[in-house]
Amino acid sequence: MILIWLLAIMMLTVLTKWITNHLLKKQSVFIAQIVVTIFCIIQFVFVYFLVKALMNYIVQGLNVFYH
């Protein structure tokens, strides 16, 4: 699941860059800012789920120090 979230984050980043560059070439700065804002919010959600998936492994790794 971790790899899926990482791939989704990377694909969303590339898609955001492509759309933003396309809009900036058309001189649509305001729409480009809106697109970047929306995609940033979506990426925050993706990062949340990535950290949620990683947390189990982090806790297991930290349990080594408590036993």
N, C-alpha and C. Protein backbone atom coordinates (compact mmCIF):
# COMPACT_ATOMS: atom_id res chain seq x y z
N MET A 1 0.82 -1.19 0.00
CA MET A 1 0.00 0.00 0.00
C MET A 1 0.87 1.26 0.00
N ILE A 2 2.02 1.14 0.63
CA ILE A 2 2.93 2.29 0.69
C ILE A 2 3.38 2.68 -0.71
N LEU A 3 3.70 1.69 -1.52
CA LEU A 3 4.14 1.98 -2.89
C LEU A 3 3.03 2.63 -3.71
N ILE A 4 1.81 2.22 -3.47
CA ILE A 4 0.68 2.81 -4.20
C ILE A 4 0.56 4.29 -3.85
N TRP A 5 0.68 4.62 -2.57
CA TRP A 5 0.58 6.03 -2.17
C TRP A 5 1.75 6.84 -2.72
N LEU A 6 2.95 6.25 -2.70
CA LEU A 6 4.10 6.96 -3.26
C LEU A 6 3.93 7.21 -4.76
N LEU A 7 3.47 6.20 -5.47
CA LEU A 7 3.24 6.36 -6.91
C LEU A 7 2.14 7.39 -7.18
N ALA A 8 1.10 7.37 -6.37
CA ALA A 8 0.01 8.34 -6.55
C ALA A 8 0.51 9.76 -6.31
N ILE A 9 1.34 9.93 -5.30
CA ILE A 9 1.89 11.27 -5.01
C ILE A 9 2.78 11.73 -6.16
N MET A 10 3.62 10.85 -6.66
CA MET A 10 4.50 11.23 -7.77
C MET A 10 3.72 11.53 -9.04
N MET A 11 2.72 10.71 -9.33
CA MET A 11 1.91 10.94 -10.53
C MET A 11 1.14 12.25 -10.42
N LEU A 12 0.62 12.54 -9.24
CA LEU A 12 -0.11 13.78 -9.05
C LEU A 12 0.81 14.99 -9.18
N THR A 13 2.04 14.85 -8.73
CA THR A 13 3.01 15.93 -8.86
C THR A 13 3.32 16.22 -10.32
N VAL A 14 3.55 15.17 -11.08
CA VAL A 14 3.84 15.34 -12.51
C VAL A 14 2.63 15.93 -13.24
N LEU A 15 1.45 15.44 -12.90
CA LEU A 15 0.23 15.95 -13.52
C LEU A 15 0.03 17.43 -13.19
N THR A 16 0.27 17.80 -11.95
CA THR A 16 0.14 19.19 -11.54
C THR A 16 1.11 20.08 -12.30
N LYS A 17 2.34 19.63 -12.42
CA LYS A 17 3.35 20.42 -13.14
C LYS A 17 2.96 20.58 -14.61
N TRP A 18 2.49 19.51 -15.21
CA TRP A 18 2.11 19.57 -16.63
C TRP A 18 0.94 20.53 -16.84
N ILE A 19 -0.09 20.40 -16.01
CA ILE A 19 -1.27 21.27 -16.15
C ILE A 19 -0.90 22.73 -15.88
N THR A 20 -0.10 22.95 -14.85
CA THR A 20 0.29 24.32 -14.51
C THR A 20 1.12 24.96 -15.62
N ASN A 21 2.07 24.22 -16.15
CA ASN A 21 2.87 24.77 -17.26
C ASN A 21 2.00 25.07 -18.47
N HIS A 22 1.06 24.19 -18.74
CA HIS A 22 0.14 24.42 -19.87
C HIS A 22 -0.69 25.69 -19.65
N LEU A 23 -1.18 25.87 -18.44
CA LEU A 23 -1.99 27.06 -18.15
C LEU A 23 -1.14 28.33 -18.16
N LEU A 24 0.09 28.24 -17.69
CA LEU A 24 0.94 29.43 -17.69
C LEU A 24 1.34 29.84 -19.10
N LYS A 25 1.47 28.88 -20.00
CA LYS A 25 1.76 29.22 -21.39
C LYS A 25 0.58 29.95 -22.03
N LYS A 26 -0.62 29.66 -21.54
CA LYS A 26 -1.82 30.32 -22.06
C LYS A 26 -2.13 31.61 -21.29
N GLN A 27 -1.22 32.01 -20.41
CA GLN A 27 -1.36 33.24 -19.62
C GLN A 27 -2.57 33.18 -18.67
N SER A 28 -2.87 32.01 -18.16
CA SER A 28 -3.97 31.84 -17.21
C SER A 28 -3.40 31.65 -15.81
N VAL A 29 -2.84 32.71 -15.27
CA VAL A 29 -2.14 32.63 -14.00
C VAL A 29 -3.12 32.33 -12.86
N PHE A 30 -4.25 32.98 -12.85
CA PHE A 30 -5.21 32.79 -11.76
C PHE A 30 -5.73 31.35 -11.73
N ILE A 31 -6.06 30.81 -12.87
CA ILE A 31 -6.54 29.42 -12.93
C ILE A 31 -5.42 28.46 -12.54
N ALA A 32 -4.19 28.77 -12.92
CA ALA A 32 -3.05 27.93 -12.53
C ALA A 32 -2.88 27.92 -11.02
N GLN A 33 -3.08 29.07 -10.38
CA GLN A 33 -2.99 29.13 -8.92
C GLN A 33 -4.08 28.30 -8.26
N ILE A 34 -5.27 28.34 -8.81
CA ILE A 34 -6.37 27.55 -8.27
C ILE A 34 -6.08 26.06 -8.42
N VAL A 35 -5.57 25.67 -9.58
CA VAL A 35 -5.24 24.27 -9.84
C VAL A 35 -4.17 23.79 -8.87
N VAL A 36 -3.14 24.59 -8.67
CA VAL A 36 -2.07 24.21 -7.74
C VAL A 36 -2.61 24.08 -6.32
N THR A 37 -3.48 24.98 -5.92
CA THR A 37 -4.06 24.91 -4.58
C THR A 37 -4.88 23.64 -4.39
N ILE A 38 -5.70 23.31 -5.36
CA ILE A 38 -6.53 22.11 -5.27
C ILE A 38 -5.67 20.86 -5.23
N PHE A 39 -4.65 20.80 -6.09
CA PHE A 39 -3.79 19.63 -6.11
C PHE A 39 -2.95 19.52 -4.84
N CYS A 40 -2.60 20.64 -4.23
CA CYS A 40 -1.88 20.59 -2.95
C CYS A 40 -2.76 20.00 -1.85
N ILE A 41 -4.01 20.38 -1.84
CA ILE A 41 -4.93 19.82 -0.85
C ILE A 41 -5.07 18.31 -1.06
N ILE A 42 -5.18 17.89 -2.31
CA ILE A 42 -5.27 16.46 -2.60
C ILE A 42 -3.99 15.75 -2.17
N GLN A 43 -2.85 16.38 -2.39
CA GLN A 43 -1.59 15.75 -1.99
C GLN A 43 -1.46 15.67 -0.48
N PHE A 44 -1.98 16.64 0.24
CA PHE A 44 -1.97 16.55 1.70
C PHE A 44 -2.74 15.32 2.17
N VAL A 45 -3.85 15.04 1.51
CA VAL A 45 -4.63 13.84 1.85
C VAL A 45 -3.83 12.58 1.53
N PHE A 46 -3.17 12.56 0.38
CA PHE A 46 -2.36 11.41 0.00
C PHE A 46 -1.22 11.19 0.99
N VAL A 47 -0.57 12.27 1.40
CA VAL A 47 0.53 12.15 2.37
C VAL A 47 0.00 11.66 3.71
N TYR A 48 -1.19 12.09 4.09
CA TYR A 48 -1.79 11.60 5.33
C TYR A 48 -1.96 10.09 5.28
N PHE A 49 -2.49 9.57 4.18
CA PHE A 49 -2.67 8.13 4.07
C PHE A 49 -1.34 7.39 3.96
N LEU A 50 -0.34 8.03 3.36
CA LEU A 50 1.00 7.43 3.32
C LEU A 50 1.57 7.30 4.72
N VAL A 51 1.48 8.35 5.50
CA VAL A 51 1.99 8.31 6.87
C VAL A 51 1.20 7.31 7.70
N LYS A 52 -0.09 7.23 7.46
CA LYS A 52 -0.92 6.26 8.17
C LYS A 52 -0.47 4.83 7.85
N ALA A 53 -0.11 4.58 6.61
CA ALA A 53 0.38 3.25 6.22
C ALA A 53 1.77 2.98 6.79
N LEU A 54 2.59 4.01 6.89
CA LEU A 54 3.95 3.85 7.42
C LEU A 54 3.98 3.71 8.94
N MET A 55 2.98 4.22 9.61
CA MET A 55 3.00 4.29 11.07
C MET A 55 3.13 2.92 11.71
N ASN A 56 2.51 1.91 11.16
CA ASN A 56 2.60 0.56 11.72
C ASN A 56 4.05 0.08 11.74
N TYR A 57 4.77 0.32 10.65
CA TYR A 57 6.16 -0.11 10.57
C TYR A 57 7.06 0.73 11.49
N ILE A 58 6.75 1.99 11.63
CA ILE A 58 7.53 2.85 12.52
C ILE A 58 7.36 2.42 13.97
N VAL A 59 6.13 2.11 14.35
CA VAL A 59 5.87 1.66 15.73
C VAL A 59 6.57 0.34 15.99
N GLN A 60 6.53 -0.57 15.04
CA GLN A 60 7.22 -1.85 15.22
C GLN A 60 8.73 -1.64 15.35
N GLY A 61 9.27 -0.72 14.60
CA GLY A 61 10.70 -0.43 14.70
C GLY A 61 11.07 0.20 16.03
N LEU A 62 10.21 1.05 16.54
CA LEU A 62 10.49 1.70 17.82
C LEU A 62 10.28 0.77 19.00
N ASN A 63 9.49 -0.28 18.83
CA ASN A 63 9.29 -1.24 19.91
C ASN A 63 10.58 -1.99 20.25
N VAL A 64 11.53 -2.00 19.36
CA VAL A 64 12.81 -2.65 19.62
C VAL A 64 13.50 -2.01 20.82
N PHE A 65 13.33 -0.71 20.98
CA PHE A 65 14.00 0.00 22.06
C PHE A 65 13.32 -0.19 23.41
N TYR A 66 12.09 -0.67 23.43
CA TYR A 66 11.35 -0.79 24.69
C TYR A 66 11.39 -2.18 25.28
N HIS A 67 11.95 -3.15 24.58
CA HIS A 67 11.98 -4.52 25.11
C HIS A 67 13.39 -4.97 25.40
